[in-house]
Amino acid sequence: MSSKRRWTWLLTALALAAGVSMMVAAYGVAASKSTKAPQHSQKAVGTLRAVIDTIDFLDPQQAYTGQSWWAMWNVYETLLTYKHVDGPAGYQLVPGLAQSLPTISNNGRVYKFKLRKGIRYSNGKALKASDFKWAIKRGFLATGQGVGFYTDIAGAKKYSQHPTKSGNISGIITNNKKRTIVIKLAKPRGDFLTILALMFAAPVPASTSTAILNGKIPGTGPYRFSAFDANRGFTMVRNKYFKKTKYIPRGTPNKIDVALIGDANAAVQRVINGQADYTNAAIPPDRIASVKSKGKLVLRQTANTYYFWMNIREAPFNKLKVRQAVNYAIDRGALQRIVWGGLGQATQNVLPPTYPSYRKLKLYSHNVAKAKQLINQAGAKNAKVTVWTRQVSDAVDAAQYYTSVLNTIGLDAKLNVLPRATYYSTVGNVATHAQTGWARWLEDYPHPLDWFDVLLNGNRITDTDNNNYAWYSNKKTNSAIESLKKAQVLTPAVNGRWATVEKQIMQQAPWAPWSNRVFPEFFSKKMGCIHTQRLYGIDAIRLCRK
């Protein structure tokens, strides 16, 4: 790489072709494709009425759920963003607030950006380069949920230890007059541009409080929040100061009303009754066949993996043969039917098939007899096991099946169901000594590091709030992950190295992955063009009526 160059990167995603095509045949629904009506019949939406089940926050530093980000993506812009397009191209990083992709130093540690001219917040105030620095500082000051992504910026780790408003992060250098932002890293990080595209890095006015401000912080995107009720929903209207760019459209709806309804049946019924245009409610499997004739059902492909983790520090899962036995014993195809009503693809991989690093693994055929044999060889017969899961219907269904399988192969297993709010913090605490349980991962950003570094790098294990529920650590794979952090571009060779790491991990079997879920999205028959964005889901601002 020359000392300075324009950095371009595109994840050429792989399709879920086989699994999705079977589901399309079974249910007769569209598989996450644009369903455009003839151009002459398309009409502006006016007010788009959406129903979702929940959000956590509408504050860039605190929001960490897909449904919050789905809305906020169109309110808060980042230096880099993703294309408003359907299909794999939606993973392509493009300029957002920046006027172009950055220049990066030869050692991969210095990133230089220049902001577009004339950008204003929804309150009319001009965006300043220094607002980016304040957004990162605000994250540390407010103990934001994404601060861990930015500790590799030079000076950030030191600042995080004693954050103050007047303190400095030396690795962020801004010039408001020239509209420039220079970011220096303490060490190279190949996924850093995707991290800059996370909502946590969206600039906010320097006067913004560190308190949680749901829907009250001005943004620079095509929409702004005009109302918010934590129990009922929120409203988005056009930002009159926004100017569309090559990659960020003005949007079709004039207004987006979002209702929060946790009952999936009630949410679906709103669409059927004409009270809403769209819902992403998890339609119960037994209703899918009946609702498809009452609206438009789209199966949305997204990057996710559902898995059972096995704590390699805790007996009997400290024995490789026991972990392998679990992988042989699970009927992954049956699980798709039991939990999703068939709306899922069986997997043995950590990575979802949408990633170019994905190479399909076939390490464990369904073989209960072999699983029993391995349990006996490990001397684990009748070993007591507690299976942990959270109080969500699909998680309980999956964990009940898992518990029965463990008992079938000779273990003595029982199920422990925790409230959804405390589940992850409990099983992620070393003092719990949790042996095995249910988990899922949906991408934060489209890079293998979001999976392997966060979930399976032994160097990232913490005693509390640990994401590596298997407590998996292996010198060989830890070293490979650390080395791959330095790779600036996901070349075919780099993708091949990630695939090797994945295979090595799964040969050690800290997980029993079982599904890449496909999400049902339900629309009114009155909706015309329907678009999905690979990372953010249904692209609300590109929808239109017939």
Protein backbone atom coordinates (compact mmCIF):
# COMPACT_ATOMS: atom_id res chain seq x y z
CA MET A 1 0.00 0.00 0.00
CA SER A 2 1.32 3.45 -0.83
CA SER A 3 1.67 5.98 2.00
CA LYS A 4 -1.72 7.44 1.13
CA ARG A 5 -4.51 5.93 -0.89
CA ARG A 6 -8.28 5.95 -1.23
CA TRP A 7 -9.56 2.97 0.73
CA THR A 8 -12.42 1.04 -0.80
CA TRP A 9 -13.98 -2.06 0.56
CA LEU A 10 -16.91 -4.19 -0.46
CA LEU A 11 -18.12 -7.35 1.18
CA THR A 12 -19.40 -9.46 -1.69
CA ALA A 13 -21.99 -11.35 0.30
CA LEU A 14 -23.05 -14.89 -0.39
CA ALA A 15 -26.74 -15.63 -0.76
CA LEU A 16 -28.81 -17.97 1.39
CA ALA A 17 -29.98 -19.41 -1.88
CA ALA A 18 -30.60 -23.04 -1.03
CA GLY A 19 -32.37 -22.57 2.29
CA VAL A 20 -34.39 -19.55 1.26
CA SER A 21 -35.50 -21.02 -2.07
CA MET A 22 -36.97 -24.00 -0.21
CA MET A 23 -38.85 -21.68 2.12
CA VAL A 24 -40.14 -19.62 -0.78
CA ALA A 25 -41.47 -22.78 -2.36
CA ALA A 26 -43.07 -23.85 0.90
CA TYR A 27 -44.70 -20.56 1.79
CA GLY A 28 -45.04 -18.78 -1.55
CA VAL A 29 -43.54 -15.52 -0.31
CA ALA A 30 -40.92 -13.09 -1.55
CA ALA A 31 -37.39 -13.73 -0.31
CA SER A 32 -35.99 -10.31 0.58
CA LYS A 33 -36.18 -8.91 -2.93
CA SER A 34 -37.45 -5.58 -4.14
CA THR A 35 -41.09 -5.95 -5.15
CA LYS A 36 -41.48 -2.89 -7.34
CA ALA A 37 -44.85 -1.99 -8.74
CA PRO A 38 -44.97 -0.46 -12.24
CA GLN A 39 -43.46 3.00 -12.09
CA HIS A 40 -46.64 4.80 -13.14
CA SER A 41 -48.61 3.33 -10.22
CA GLN A 42 -46.16 4.14 -7.41
CA LYS A 43 -47.24 6.84 -4.99
CA ALA A 44 -45.49 8.61 -2.15
CA VAL A 45 -46.28 7.05 1.19
CA GLY A 46 -47.24 10.31 2.92
CA THR A 47 -47.29 8.84 6.43
CA LEU A 48 -45.73 5.42 6.86
CA ARG A 49 -47.28 3.57 9.81
CA ALA A 50 -44.89 0.95 11.22
CA VAL A 51 -45.24 -1.44 14.16
CA ILE A 52 -42.20 -2.87 15.95
CA ASP A 53 -42.00 -4.69 19.27
CA THR A 54 -39.43 -2.73 21.26
CA ILE A 55 -36.47 -0.36 21.29
CA ASP A 56 -33.93 0.34 23.99
CA PHE A 57 -32.97 3.98 23.37
CA LEU A 58 -33.04 6.66 20.68
CA ASP A 59 -29.73 8.18 21.79
CA PRO A 60 -26.67 7.43 19.58
CA GLN A 61 -24.47 6.58 22.57
CA GLN A 62 -26.96 4.32 24.31
CA ALA A 63 -28.94 2.53 21.59
CA TYR A 64 -27.75 -1.01 20.91
CA THR A 65 -30.64 -2.87 19.31
CA GLY A 66 -31.34 -3.42 15.64
CA GLN A 67 -34.77 -1.81 15.85
CA SER A 68 -33.38 1.38 17.39
CA TRP A 69 -30.64 1.52 14.76
CA TRP A 70 -33.23 0.88 12.04
CA ALA A 71 -34.85 4.22 12.90
CA MET A 72 -31.72 6.14 13.88
CA TRP A 73 -29.86 5.32 10.66
CA ASN A 74 -32.07 7.89 8.94
CA VAL A 75 -31.62 10.52 11.66
CA TYR A 76 -27.95 10.38 12.67
CA GLU A 77 -25.28 10.26 9.96
CA THR A 78 -21.77 8.95 10.43
CA LEU A 79 -18.52 9.73 8.58
CA LEU A 80 -19.03 6.60 6.52
CA THR A 81 -22.28 4.78 5.94
CA TYR A 82 -23.85 2.06 3.79
CA LYS A 83 -25.71 2.21 0.51
CA HIS A 84 -29.50 2.41 0.43
CA VAL A 85 -29.67 -0.54 -1.95
CA ASP A 86 -31.01 -4.09 -1.93
CA GLY A 87 -28.79 -7.16 -1.80
CA PRO A 88 -25.07 -7.66 -1.07
CA ALA A 89 -24.11 -4.14 -2.22
CA GLY A 90 -25.78 -2.90 0.97
CA TYR A 91 -22.61 -3.93 2.80
CA GLN A 92 -20.48 -1.45 0.83
CA LEU A 93 -19.04 1.40 2.84
CA VAL A 94 -19.60 4.79 1.21
CA PRO A 95 -19.10 8.43 2.26
CA GLY A 96 -21.69 9.70 4.72
CA LEU A 97 -20.75 12.99 6.35
CA ALA A 98 -17.33 12.72 4.74
CA GLN A 99 -17.00 14.07 1.22
CA SER A 100 -15.06 10.98 0.19
CA LEU A 101 -13.52 7.81 1.56
CA PRO A 102 -10.54 8.60 3.79
CA THR A 103 -6.85 8.43 3.14
CA ILE A 104 -5.08 5.89 5.33
CA SER A 105 -1.40 5.82 6.21
CA ASN A 106 0.79 2.97 5.07
CA ASN A 107 0.96 1.53 8.58
CA GLY A 108 -2.85 1.52 8.88
CA ARG A 109 -2.88 3.79 11.92
CA VAL A 110 -3.78 7.26 10.59
CA TYR A 111 -7.15 8.05 8.95
CA LYS A 112 -7.86 11.43 7.36
CA PHE A 113 -11.40 12.67 6.59
CA LYS A 114 -12.87 15.87 5.22
CA LEU A 115 -16.52 16.76 5.84
CA ARG A 116 -18.96 17.76 3.12
CA LYS A 117 -19.71 21.47 2.88
CA GLY A 118 -22.80 23.05 4.38
CA ILE A 119 -24.03 20.23 6.63
CA ARG A 120 -26.56 21.35 9.22
CA TYR A 121 -28.29 19.67 12.11
CA SER A 122 -32.06 19.46 12.20
CA ASN A 123 -32.08 22.51 14.53
CA GLY A 124 -30.32 24.57 11.88
CA LYS A 125 -26.89 24.70 13.54
CA ALA A 126 -23.83 23.93 11.42
CA LEU A 127 -22.03 20.64 11.91
CA LYS A 128 -18.44 21.09 13.07
CA ALA A 129 -15.55 18.66 12.76
CA SER A 130 -15.05 18.93 16.53
CA ASP A 131 -18.55 17.50 17.05
CA PHE A 132 -17.17 14.09 16.08
CA LYS A 133 -14.64 14.31 18.89
CA TRP A 134 -17.37 15.31 21.33
CA ALA A 135 -19.49 12.31 20.29
CA ILE A 136 -16.65 9.91 21.17
CA LYS A 137 -15.90 11.73 24.44
CA ARG A 138 -19.61 11.79 25.30
CA GLY A 139 -19.64 8.01 24.93
CA PHE A 140 -16.98 7.61 27.61
CA LEU A 141 -18.51 10.28 29.85
CA ALA A 142 -21.96 8.67 29.63
CA THR A 143 -20.64 5.09 29.85
CA GLY A 144 -22.21 4.50 26.46
CA GLN A 145 -22.77 0.97 25.22
CA GLY A 146 -20.30 1.26 22.36
CA VAL A 147 -17.26 2.81 24.01
CA GLY A 148 -15.29 -0.42 23.81
CA PHE A 149 -15.14 -0.09 20.03
CA TYR A 150 -13.10 3.12 20.25
CA THR A 151 -10.44 2.34 22.86
CA ASP A 152 -7.88 1.62 20.11
CA ILE A 153 -7.86 5.33 19.21
CA ALA A 154 -4.63 6.81 20.56
CA GLY A 155 -5.26 8.32 23.98
CA ALA A 156 -8.76 6.88 24.29
CA LYS A 157 -7.90 4.15 26.77
CA LYS A 158 -6.18 6.66 29.05
CA TYR A 159 -9.10 9.08 28.70
CA SER A 160 -11.59 6.32 29.53
CA GLN A 161 -9.96 5.79 32.92
CA HIS A 162 -10.78 9.36 34.06
CA PRO A 163 -13.12 10.97 31.50
CA THR A 164 -13.89 14.68 31.90
CA LYS A 165 -15.46 17.22 29.56
CA SER A 166 -12.21 19.18 29.42
CA GLY A 167 -10.06 16.10 28.93
CA ASN A 168 -8.54 15.16 25.61
CA ILE A 169 -8.32 12.14 23.34
CA SER A 170 -5.00 12.81 21.65
CA GLY A 171 -5.71 10.56 18.69
CA ILE A 172 -8.60 12.71 17.39
CA ILE A 173 -7.45 15.95 15.78
CA THR A 174 -10.05 18.26 14.24
CA ASN A 175 -9.98 21.54 12.33
CA ASN A 176 -13.37 23.23 12.07
CA LYS A 177 -12.23 25.80 9.52
CA LYS A 178 -10.81 23.19 7.15
CA ARG A 179 -13.56 20.64 8.02
CA THR A 180 -10.95 17.94 8.66
CA ILE A 181 -10.84 15.04 11.09
CA VAL A 182 -7.66 13.03 11.65
CA ILE A 183 -7.86 9.84 13.70
CA LYS A 184 -4.73 8.11 14.94
CA LEU A 185 -4.87 4.54 16.25
CA ALA A 186 -2.63 3.06 18.93
CA LYS A 187 -2.45 -0.09 16.79
CA PRO A 188 -3.82 -1.11 13.38
CA ARG A 189 -7.37 -2.40 13.29
CA GLY A 190 -8.71 -3.78 10.03
CA ASP A 191 -12.37 -3.26 10.93
CA PHE A 192 -11.96 0.35 12.01
CA LEU A 193 -13.87 1.88 9.10
CA THR A 194 -16.89 -0.30 9.85
CA ILE A 195 -16.62 0.80 13.48
CA LEU A 196 -16.71 4.45 12.36
CA ALA A 197 -19.97 3.64 10.58
CA LEU A 198 -21.60 2.49 13.84
CA MET A 199 -24.25 4.77 15.36
CA PHE A 200 -22.00 5.40 18.38
CA ALA A 201 -19.70 7.51 16.18
CA ALA A 202 -22.42 9.84 14.86
CA PRO A 203 -21.40 13.46 15.58
CA VAL A 204 -23.69 15.43 17.88
CA PRO A 205 -23.60 19.13 18.84
CA ALA A 206 -20.90 19.92 21.40
CA SER A 207 -23.58 21.28 23.72
CA THR A 208 -25.27 17.87 23.96
CA SER A 209 -25.65 16.64 27.52
CA THR A 210 -24.21 13.32 28.64
CA ALA A 211 -27.64 12.35 29.99
CA ILE A 212 -29.77 9.91 27.99
CA LEU A 213 -31.77 12.04 25.55
CA ASN A 214 -34.20 9.79 23.71
CA GLY A 215 -35.22 11.38 20.42
CA LYS A 216 -34.11 14.85 21.50
CA ILE A 217 -30.63 15.10 20.00
CA PRO A 218 -30.46 16.92 16.62
CA GLY A 219 -29.16 14.86 13.74
CA THR A 220 -28.04 15.56 10.19
CA GLY A 221 -29.92 12.78 8.36
CA PRO A 222 -33.00 13.02 6.13
CA TYR A 223 -35.38 12.71 9.11
CA ARG A 224 -35.60 13.93 12.70
CA PHE A 225 -37.51 12.68 15.72
CA SER A 226 -40.51 14.87 16.48
CA ALA A 227 -42.14 12.84 19.27
CA PHE A 228 -41.18 10.02 21.62
CA ASP A 229 -43.10 7.97 24.19
CA ALA A 230 -41.15 5.09 25.71
CA ASN A 231 -44.29 3.01 26.09
CA ARG A 232 -46.19 3.85 22.91
CA GLY A 233 -43.78 4.78 20.12
CA PHE A 234 -42.16 7.66 18.27
CA THR A 235 -42.54 9.82 15.17
CA MET A 236 -40.03 10.85 12.50
CA VAL A 237 -40.53 13.79 10.14
CA ARG A 238 -38.37 15.33 7.44
CA ASN A 239 -35.27 17.31 8.39
CA LYS A 240 -35.70 20.49 6.38
CA TYR A 241 -31.96 21.19 6.50
CA PHE A 242 -30.97 17.87 4.94
CA LYS A 243 -29.58 17.83 1.39
CA LYS A 244 -29.54 14.47 -0.37
CA THR A 245 -26.25 13.01 -1.52
CA LYS A 246 -25.21 10.39 -4.03
CA TYR A 247 -25.67 7.71 -1.38
CA ILE A 248 -28.27 9.12 1.04
CA PRO A 249 -31.71 9.79 -0.50
CA ARG A 250 -34.23 12.35 0.70
CA GLY A 251 -36.74 9.58 1.40
CA THR A 252 -40.26 8.82 0.21
CA PRO A 253 -42.42 9.16 3.37
CA ASN A 254 -43.12 12.64 4.69
CA LYS A 255 -43.68 11.18 8.12
CA ILE A 256 -43.01 7.86 9.83
CA ASP A 257 -45.19 6.90 12.80
CA VAL A 258 -43.83 3.94 14.77
CA ALA A 259 -45.97 2.10 17.32
CA LEU A 260 -44.43 -0.20 19.93
CA ILE A 261 -46.48 -3.39 20.34
CA GLY A 262 -44.91 -6.45 21.95
CA ASP A 263 -47.69 -8.88 21.01
CA ALA A 264 -46.85 -10.28 17.56
CA ASN A 265 -50.43 -11.34 16.83
CA ALA A 266 -51.73 -7.86 17.67
CA ALA A 267 -49.05 -6.23 15.50
CA VAL A 268 -49.88 -8.44 12.52
CA GLN A 269 -53.59 -7.79 12.98
CA ARG A 270 -53.01 -4.04 12.77
CA VAL A 271 -51.60 -4.50 9.28
CA ILE A 272 -54.43 -6.81 8.25
CA ASN A 273 -57.01 -4.30 9.56
CA GLY A 274 -55.44 -1.42 7.64
CA GLN A 275 -54.23 0.34 10.80
CA ALA A 276 -50.57 -0.06 9.87
CA ASP A 277 -48.51 -0.41 6.69
CA TYR A 278 -45.78 -2.65 8.02
CA THR A 279 -44.63 -4.73 10.97
CA ASN A 280 -41.48 -6.70 11.68
CA ALA A 281 -43.17 -8.69 14.46
CA ALA A 282 -41.99 -12.27 14.83
CA ILE A 283 -45.04 -13.88 13.25
CA PRO A 284 -45.88 -17.12 15.07
CA PRO A 285 -45.04 -20.08 12.81
CA ASP A 286 -48.63 -21.34 12.90
CA ARG A 287 -49.89 -18.03 11.48
CA ILE A 288 -47.50 -17.64 8.57
CA ALA A 289 -49.60 -19.68 6.12
CA SER A 290 -52.77 -17.75 7.01
CA VAL A 291 -51.38 -14.20 6.94
CA LYS A 292 -49.68 -14.47 3.55
CA SER A 293 -53.03 -14.10 1.76
CA LYS A 294 -53.91 -11.00 3.80
CA GLY A 295 -50.89 -8.91 2.95
CA LYS A 296 -47.35 -9.10 1.58
CA LEU A 297 -44.94 -11.37 3.41
CA VAL A 298 -41.23 -10.90 2.80
CA LEU A 299 -38.54 -13.22 4.14
CA ARG A 300 -35.58 -11.00 4.99
CA GLN A 301 -32.08 -12.42 4.94
CA THR A 302 -29.86 -11.03 7.67
CA ALA A 303 -26.56 -11.94 9.26
CA ASN A 304 -27.26 -13.94 12.41
CA THR A 305 -26.27 -17.19 14.08
CA TYR A 306 -28.19 -19.01 16.81
CA TYR A 307 -26.11 -21.42 18.86
CA PHE A 308 -25.69 -23.40 22.06
CA TRP A 309 -22.51 -22.54 23.92
CA MET A 310 -20.56 -24.96 26.11
CA ASN A 311 -18.28 -23.57 28.82
CA ILE A 312 -14.96 -25.32 28.29
CA ARG A 313 -13.93 -24.50 31.89
CA GLU A 314 -16.87 -26.35 33.42
CA ALA A 315 -17.42 -30.12 33.61
CA PRO A 316 -18.48 -32.06 31.65
CA PHE A 317 -17.87 -29.59 28.79
CA ASN A 318 -14.20 -29.25 29.68
CA LYS A 319 -13.88 -32.50 27.71
CA LEU A 320 -13.68 -32.21 23.92
CA LYS A 321 -15.53 -35.49 23.34
CA VAL A 322 -18.56 -34.20 25.27
CA ARG A 323 -18.69 -31.01 23.19
CA GLN A 324 -18.34 -33.03 20.00
CA ALA A 325 -21.08 -35.40 21.19
CA VAL A 326 -23.48 -32.46 21.53
CA ASN A 327 -22.74 -31.39 17.96
CA TYR A 328 -23.42 -34.89 16.66
CA ALA A 329 -26.62 -35.24 18.69
CA ILE A 330 -28.44 -32.09 17.58
CA ASP A 331 -30.84 -32.45 14.66
CA ARG A 332 -30.39 -28.99 13.17
CA GLY A 333 -33.05 -29.48 10.52
CA ALA A 334 -35.63 -30.44 13.11
CA LEU A 335 -34.79 -27.35 15.14
CA GLN A 336 -35.69 -25.08 12.21
CA ARG A 337 -39.16 -26.59 12.16
CA ILE A 338 -39.63 -26.65 15.94
CA VAL A 339 -38.52 -23.07 16.59
CA TRP A 340 -39.12 -21.13 13.36
CA GLY A 341 -41.71 -23.20 11.56
CA GLY A 342 -39.08 -23.81 8.87
CA LEU A 343 -37.95 -20.19 8.50
CA GLY A 344 -34.28 -20.86 9.08
CA GLN A 345 -31.25 -22.54 7.56
CA ALA A 346 -29.36 -25.23 9.49
CA THR A 347 -25.71 -24.40 10.12
CA GLN A 348 -22.55 -25.66 11.78
CA ASN A 349 -20.74 -22.35 11.20
CA VAL A 350 -20.01 -19.37 13.40
CA LEU A 351 -20.25 -16.96 10.46
CA PRO A 352 -23.51 -16.54 8.55
CA PRO A 353 -23.59 -17.37 4.82
CA THR A 354 -23.83 -13.66 3.90
CA TYR A 355 -20.08 -13.23 4.54
CA PRO A 356 -17.39 -13.85 1.90
CA SER A 357 -15.27 -15.52 4.59
CA TYR A 358 -17.94 -18.21 4.98
CA ARG A 359 -17.04 -21.75 3.97
CA LYS A 360 -19.78 -24.25 4.79
CA LEU A 361 -18.71 -26.68 7.53
CA LYS A 362 -19.84 -30.30 7.62
CA LEU A 363 -17.95 -31.56 10.63
CA TYR A 364 -20.82 -33.18 12.52
CA SER A 365 -23.45 -35.35 10.86
CA HIS A 366 -26.58 -36.08 12.89
CA ASN A 367 -25.56 -39.27 14.69
CA VAL A 368 -27.09 -39.92 18.12
CA ALA A 369 -25.39 -43.32 18.47
CA LYS A 370 -21.97 -41.73 17.98
CA ALA A 371 -22.87 -39.00 20.46
CA LYS A 372 -23.73 -41.60 23.12
CA GLN A 373 -20.49 -43.41 22.41
CA LEU A 374 -18.45 -40.20 22.89
CA ILE A 375 -20.22 -39.45 26.20
CA ASN A 376 -19.29 -42.92 27.46
CA GLN A 377 -15.70 -42.56 26.25
CA ALA A 378 -15.44 -39.25 28.09
CA GLY A 379 -16.67 -40.84 31.30
CA ALA A 380 -19.46 -38.26 31.43
CA LYS A 381 -22.52 -40.52 31.61
CA ASN A 382 -25.12 -39.12 34.06
CA ALA A 383 -23.11 -35.92 34.55
CA LYS A 384 -25.39 -33.21 35.91
CA VAL A 385 -25.94 -30.28 33.55
CA THR A 386 -27.94 -27.07 33.84
CA VAL A 387 -29.05 -25.55 30.53
CA TRP A 388 -29.52 -21.77 30.67
CA THR A 389 -31.88 -19.76 28.48
CA ARG A 390 -33.85 -16.50 28.49
CA GLN A 391 -37.60 -15.98 28.83
CA VAL A 392 -38.39 -15.52 25.15
CA SER A 393 -40.56 -18.07 23.39
CA ASP A 394 -38.11 -19.09 20.67
CA ALA A 395 -35.21 -19.30 23.14
CA VAL A 396 -37.26 -21.48 25.50
CA ASP A 397 -38.41 -23.75 22.64
CA ALA A 398 -34.83 -24.24 21.46
CA ALA A 399 -33.47 -24.81 24.96
CA GLN A 400 -36.19 -27.35 25.80
CA TYR A 401 -35.20 -29.35 22.73
CA TYR A 402 -31.52 -29.01 23.64
CA THR A 403 -32.14 -30.22 27.19
CA SER A 404 -34.00 -33.28 25.92
CA VAL A 405 -31.13 -34.10 23.55
CA LEU A 406 -28.57 -33.91 26.37
CA ASN A 407 -30.68 -36.34 28.38
CA THR A 408 -31.03 -38.65 25.38
CA ILE A 409 -27.26 -39.01 24.97
CA GLY A 410 -26.68 -39.87 28.64
CA LEU A 411 -26.31 -36.59 30.54
CA ASP A 412 -28.58 -35.56 33.41
CA ALA A 413 -29.83 -32.17 32.22
CA LYS A 414 -32.36 -29.68 33.54
CA LEU A 415 -33.50 -26.30 32.21
CA ASN A 416 -33.11 -22.93 33.95
CA VAL A 417 -35.04 -20.01 32.38
CA LEU A 418 -33.99 -16.46 33.33
CA PRO A 419 -35.73 -13.13 32.66
CA ARG A 420 -34.63 -11.66 29.33
CA ALA A 421 -33.25 -8.53 31.04
CA THR A 422 -30.78 -10.41 33.24
CA TYR A 423 -29.90 -13.45 31.13
CA TYR A 424 -26.75 -12.29 29.34
CA SER A 425 -25.23 -10.55 32.37
CA THR A 426 -25.81 -13.70 34.44
CA VAL A 427 -24.29 -16.25 32.06
CA GLY A 428 -21.52 -13.76 31.23
CA ASN A 429 -20.41 -13.63 34.87
CA VAL A 430 -17.61 -16.03 35.77
CA ALA A 431 -19.07 -16.48 39.26
CA THR A 432 -22.20 -18.11 37.81
CA HIS A 433 -20.23 -21.09 36.50
CA ALA A 434 -22.87 -21.54 33.79
CA GLN A 435 -22.20 -24.82 31.97
CA THR A 436 -24.15 -24.46 28.72
CA GLY A 437 -27.04 -22.59 27.18
CA TRP A 438 -28.76 -20.70 24.39
CA ALA A 439 -27.43 -17.61 22.61
CA ARG A 440 -27.65 -15.70 19.35
CA TRP A 441 -25.56 -13.08 17.61
CA LEU A 442 -26.73 -10.51 15.08
CA GLU A 443 -24.00 -8.48 13.45
CA ASP A 444 -23.07 -5.05 14.78
CA TYR A 445 -21.11 -4.39 11.60
CA PRO A 446 -20.22 -6.56 8.60
CA HIS A 447 -16.77 -7.89 9.47
CA PRO A 448 -15.54 -11.28 10.80
CA LEU A 449 -13.98 -9.51 13.78
CA ASP A 450 -17.46 -8.70 15.06
CA TRP A 451 -17.89 -12.46 15.49
CA PHE A 452 -14.52 -14.01 16.26
CA ASP A 453 -12.93 -11.20 18.25
CA VAL A 454 -16.00 -10.42 20.35
CA LEU A 455 -17.29 -13.96 20.85
CA LEU A 456 -14.37 -16.39 20.58
CA ASN A 457 -11.08 -14.57 21.23
CA GLY A 458 -9.74 -15.75 24.58
CA ASN A 459 -7.86 -12.48 24.96
CA ARG A 460 -11.20 -10.66 25.24
CA ILE A 461 -12.60 -12.76 28.12
CA THR A 462 -13.72 -10.73 31.13
CA ASP A 463 -15.02 -11.88 34.53
CA THR A 464 -18.25 -9.90 34.12
CA ASP A 465 -20.28 -8.87 31.07
CA ASN A 466 -18.37 -11.46 29.07
CA ASN A 467 -19.62 -12.19 25.54
CA ASN A 468 -17.53 -15.34 25.19
CA TYR A 469 -20.03 -17.54 27.03
CA ALA A 470 -18.03 -20.67 26.21
CA TRP A 471 -14.99 -19.11 27.92
CA TYR A 472 -13.18 -20.44 24.86
CA SER A 473 -9.48 -19.65 24.63
CA ASN A 474 -6.97 -21.33 22.38
CA LYS A 475 -3.44 -19.98 21.80
CA LYS A 476 -3.46 -20.87 18.10
CA THR A 477 -6.81 -19.30 17.22
CA ASN A 478 -6.29 -16.34 19.59
CA SER A 479 -3.03 -15.57 17.78
CA ALA A 480 -4.64 -15.92 14.35
CA ILE A 481 -7.46 -13.52 15.31
CA GLU A 482 -5.00 -10.94 16.62
CA SER A 483 -2.96 -11.21 13.43
CA LEU A 484 -6.02 -10.82 11.22
CA LYS A 485 -6.97 -7.62 13.03
CA LYS A 486 -4.21 -5.93 11.08
CA ALA A 487 -5.64 -6.83 7.65
CA GLN A 488 -6.95 -3.63 6.08
CA VAL A 489 -8.89 -5.28 3.27
CA LEU A 490 -10.93 -8.50 3.14
CA THR A 491 -9.08 -9.96 0.16
CA PRO A 492 -9.77 -13.56 -0.95
CA ALA A 493 -6.59 -14.60 0.88
CA VAL A 494 -7.71 -12.90 4.10
CA ASN A 495 -11.17 -14.45 3.80
CA GLY A 496 -9.51 -17.84 3.40
CA ARG A 497 -7.56 -17.28 6.62
CA TRP A 498 -10.77 -16.43 8.47
CA ALA A 499 -12.34 -19.64 7.16
CA THR A 500 -9.36 -21.61 8.50
CA VAL A 501 -9.76 -20.01 11.93
CA GLU A 502 -13.45 -20.87 11.93
CA LYS A 503 -12.81 -24.52 11.10
CA GLN A 504 -10.12 -24.79 13.79
CA ILE A 505 -12.50 -23.34 16.38
CA MET A 506 -15.38 -25.62 15.45
CA GLN A 507 -13.11 -28.66 15.58
CA GLN A 508 -12.73 -27.72 19.25
CA ALA A 509 -16.55 -27.43 19.43
CA PRO A 510 -17.10 -24.65 22.01
CA TRP A 511 -20.40 -24.00 20.24
CA ALA A 512 -23.12 -26.06 18.63
CA PRO A 513 -24.40 -23.57 16.02
CA TRP A 514 -27.80 -24.57 14.64
CA SER A 515 -29.55 -21.79 12.70
CA ASN A 516 -29.27 -18.78 10.43
CA ARG A 517 -32.72 -17.35 10.94
CA VAL A 518 -34.73 -15.70 8.17
CA PHE A 519 -37.03 -12.96 9.46
CA PRO A 520 -40.63 -12.53 8.25
CA GLU A 521 -41.66 -8.94 7.46
CA PHE A 522 -45.34 -8.23 6.87
CA PHE A 523 -46.77 -5.42 4.72
CA SER A 524 -50.18 -4.11 3.80
CA LYS A 525 -51.42 -5.03 0.33
CA LYS A 526 -51.45 -1.30 -0.40
CA MET A 527 -47.66 -1.09 -0.30
CA GLY A 528 -45.93 -1.02 -3.66
CA CYS A 529 -42.14 -1.04 -3.78
CA ILE A 530 -40.58 -2.83 -0.83
CA HIS A 531 -36.84 -2.58 -0.23
CA THR A 532 -34.46 -4.16 2.26
CA GLN A 533 -30.99 -3.02 3.26
CA ARG A 534 -28.59 -5.84 4.14
CA LEU A 535 -27.46 -4.35 7.47
CA TYR A 536 -30.45 -2.31 8.66
CA GLY A 537 -33.41 -4.33 7.39
CA ILE A 538 -36.49 -2.86 5.73
CA ASP A 539 -35.41 0.43 4.16
CA ALA A 540 -38.31 2.56 5.39
CA ILE A 541 -37.37 5.68 3.47
CA ARG A 542 -37.49 3.86 0.11
CA LEU A 543 -40.96 2.35 0.53
CA CYS A 544 -43.87 3.50 -1.64
CA ARG A 545 -47.56 2.77 -2.19
CA LYS A 546 -49.15 1.23 -5.26
